[in-house]
Amino acid sequence: MPLNLAVLGPDRAAEVIQDHSEIDRWVIGGHSLGGTMAAQYAVKQADNISGVVFLASYPSDKALINSNLAILSIYGSEDGLITLPDWQKYHDRFPMDTHWAFINGGNHAGFGWYGEQEGDNPALISLDRQTEQISEAIDRFLLSIETI
């Protein structure tokens, strides 16, 4: 992504999909604003995308509600940028069958591996442990939608 910001390359996924025509099912996702951008792309390209993974992120609107996309949302207890009350506020933007993964002790920056971020809370678990839990949640999600 240009400058590592998905908002500056909203259709970048199209290039990857085009370059890999041997793959017929795609799940895309992103961290923070990257997840929001991935969801917007997936809604527009629902014929090419099977699911969306949100990493400390949420949809910008309710467009996913009527989609057939499989959704995974992973969030951390110590996220200072999207707090637990925020999750409750944005919960209605996710489909009813959304897969949820909660990382106790995880923070916002731990999803992006870029160090401390202003406004975030310190993580209560190691970066390696948070990454391990993220990977496990995504693996379970992908296996669950493999037969759909």
Protein backbone atom coordinates (compact mmCIF):
# COMPACT_ATOMS: atom_id res chain seq x y z
CA MET A 1 0.00 0.00 0.00
CA PRO A 2 1.25 3.50 -0.70
CA LEU A 3 2.87 4.79 2.50
CA ASN A 4 1.46 1.66 4.21
CA LEU A 5 -2.02 3.24 4.18
CA ALA A 6 -4.88 1.29 2.60
CA VAL A 7 -6.87 4.47 2.10
CA LEU A 8 -4.28 5.51 -0.50
CA GLY A 9 -4.67 2.26 -2.46
CA PRO A 10 -8.34 1.27 -2.11
CA ASP A 11 -8.35 -1.01 -5.17
CA ARG A 12 -4.90 -2.52 -4.71
CA ALA A 13 -6.51 -5.92 -4.04
CA ALA A 14 -7.70 -5.99 -7.66
CA GLU A 15 -4.08 -6.09 -8.85
CA VAL A 16 -3.25 -9.04 -6.60
CA ILE A 17 -6.39 -10.92 -7.63
CA GLN A 18 -5.67 -10.29 -11.31
CA ASP A 19 -2.07 -11.47 -10.92
CA HIS A 20 -3.24 -14.75 -9.33
CA SER A 21 -6.03 -16.03 -11.53
CA GLU A 22 -5.29 -19.57 -10.32
CA ILE A 23 -6.99 -18.67 -7.01
CA ASP A 24 -10.77 -18.70 -7.19
CA ARG A 25 -11.75 -17.77 -3.60
CA TRP A 26 -10.38 -14.76 -1.76
CA VAL A 27 -10.59 -13.48 1.79
CA ILE A 28 -9.20 -10.01 2.35
CA GLY A 29 -8.76 -7.91 5.44
CA GLY A 30 -6.84 -5.27 7.20
CA HIS A 31 -5.92 -3.54 10.39
CA SER A 32 -7.70 -0.40 11.56
CA LEU A 33 -8.54 1.76 8.54
CA GLY A 34 -7.19 -1.06 6.36
CA GLY A 35 -10.05 -3.30 7.50
CA THR A 36 -12.56 -0.61 6.69
CA MET A 37 -11.10 -0.22 3.21
CA ALA A 38 -11.03 -4.01 2.71
CA ALA A 39 -14.73 -4.20 3.56
CA GLN A 40 -15.60 -1.45 1.11
CA TYR A 41 -13.69 -3.26 -1.63
CA ALA A 42 -15.27 -6.62 -0.75
CA VAL A 43 -18.81 -5.26 -0.95
CA LYS A 44 -18.11 -3.85 -4.43
CA GLN A 45 -16.40 -7.07 -5.55
CA ALA A 46 -18.53 -9.67 -3.77
CA ASP A 47 -18.32 -12.04 -6.76
CA ASN A 48 -14.55 -12.32 -6.23
CA ILE A 49 -14.36 -12.15 -2.43
CA SER A 50 -15.58 -14.79 0.04
CA GLY A 51 -14.81 -13.02 3.30
CA VAL A 52 -13.34 -10.12 5.23
CA VAL A 53 -11.08 -10.13 8.29
CA PHE A 54 -11.16 -7.06 10.52
CA LEU A 55 -8.14 -6.55 12.78
CA ALA A 56 -9.06 -3.91 15.37
CA SER A 57 -11.38 -2.46 12.77
CA TYR A 58 -15.03 -2.15 11.82
CA PRO A 59 -17.11 -1.42 8.71
CA SER A 60 -17.79 2.22 7.87
CA ASP A 61 -21.48 1.50 7.30
CA LYS A 62 -24.03 -1.34 7.28
CA ALA A 63 -23.28 -2.55 3.73
CA LEU A 64 -22.01 -5.94 4.96
CA ILE A 65 -25.33 -6.76 6.61
CA ASN A 66 -26.94 -7.80 3.31
CA SER A 67 -23.85 -9.39 1.81
CA ASN A 68 -23.03 -13.09 1.61
CA LEU A 69 -19.50 -12.44 2.85
CA ALA A 70 -18.07 -14.41 5.76
CA ILE A 71 -16.78 -12.00 8.40
CA LEU A 72 -14.21 -12.27 11.18
CA SER A 73 -13.62 -9.45 13.63
CA ILE A 74 -10.67 -9.64 16.02
CA TYR A 75 -10.25 -7.05 18.75
CA GLY A 76 -8.21 -6.56 21.90
CA SER A 77 -9.18 -5.69 25.45
CA GLU A 78 -6.52 -2.98 25.74
CA ASP A 79 -7.24 -1.19 22.45
CA GLY A 80 -7.18 2.51 23.25
CA LEU A 81 -8.32 3.60 19.79
CA ILE A 82 -11.36 1.34 19.45
CA THR A 83 -12.52 0.73 23.00
CA LEU A 84 -14.92 -1.97 24.15
CA PRO A 85 -17.81 0.56 24.27
CA ASP A 86 -16.96 1.45 20.64
CA TRP A 87 -17.31 -2.23 19.71
CA GLN A 88 -20.79 -2.22 21.19
CA LYS A 89 -21.64 0.96 19.27
CA TYR A 90 -20.47 -0.47 15.92
CA HIS A 91 -21.74 -4.02 16.50
CA ASP A 92 -24.81 -3.45 14.33
CA ARG A 93 -22.61 -2.85 11.27
CA PHE A 94 -21.63 -6.53 11.29
CA PRO A 95 -23.78 -9.40 10.01
CA MET A 96 -25.46 -11.59 12.64
CA ASP A 97 -23.24 -14.56 11.73
CA THR A 98 -19.96 -12.67 12.20
CA HIS A 99 -17.17 -14.67 13.78
CA TRP A 100 -15.74 -12.81 16.78
CA ALA A 101 -12.32 -13.23 18.40
CA PHE A 102 -11.37 -11.37 21.56
CA ILE A 103 -7.72 -11.06 22.54
CA ASN A 104 -7.50 -10.50 26.26
CA GLY A 105 -4.53 -8.20 26.83
CA GLY A 106 -4.12 -7.22 23.17
CA ASN A 107 -3.91 -3.60 22.05
CA HIS A 108 -4.42 -1.70 18.79
CA ALA A 109 -0.77 -1.42 17.77
CA GLY A 110 -0.25 -5.13 18.37
CA PHE A 111 -2.28 -5.85 15.26
CA GLY A 112 0.06 -3.79 13.10
CA TRP A 113 3.53 -4.46 14.53
CA TYR A 114 4.55 -0.80 14.27
CA GLY A 115 5.37 0.03 17.88
CA GLU A 116 3.57 2.31 20.28
CA GLN A 117 0.75 4.48 19.03
CA GLU A 118 -0.52 7.66 20.61
CA GLY A 119 -3.85 7.08 22.33
CA ASP A 120 -3.37 3.32 22.56
CA ASN A 121 -3.05 1.44 25.85
CA PRO A 122 -0.07 -0.74 26.69
CA ALA A 123 -0.61 -4.39 25.81
CA LEU A 124 -0.83 -6.83 28.70
CA ILE A 125 0.51 -9.68 26.58
CA SER A 126 3.59 -9.94 24.39
CA LEU A 127 3.49 -8.98 20.74
CA ASP A 128 4.35 -12.58 19.87
CA ARG A 129 1.42 -13.88 21.96
CA GLN A 130 -1.00 -11.41 20.36
CA THR A 131 0.21 -12.42 16.89
CA GLU A 132 -0.17 -16.09 17.77
CA GLN A 133 -3.78 -15.54 18.85
CA ILE A 134 -4.52 -13.50 15.71
CA SER A 135 -3.10 -16.28 13.53
CA GLU A 136 -5.08 -18.95 15.37
CA ALA A 137 -8.33 -16.98 14.98
CA ILE A 138 -7.75 -16.44 11.26
CA ASP A 139 -6.86 -20.11 10.75
CA ARG A 140 -10.08 -21.23 12.50
CA PHE A 141 -12.10 -18.75 10.44
CA LEU A 142 -10.62 -19.85 7.12
CA LEU A 143 -11.22 -23.50 7.96
CA SER A 144 -14.82 -22.72 8.93
CA ILE A 145 -15.60 -21.09 5.59
CA GLU A 146 -13.64 -23.57 3.48
CA THR A 147 -16.69 -25.75 2.97
CA ILE A 148 -19.14 -22.92 2.27
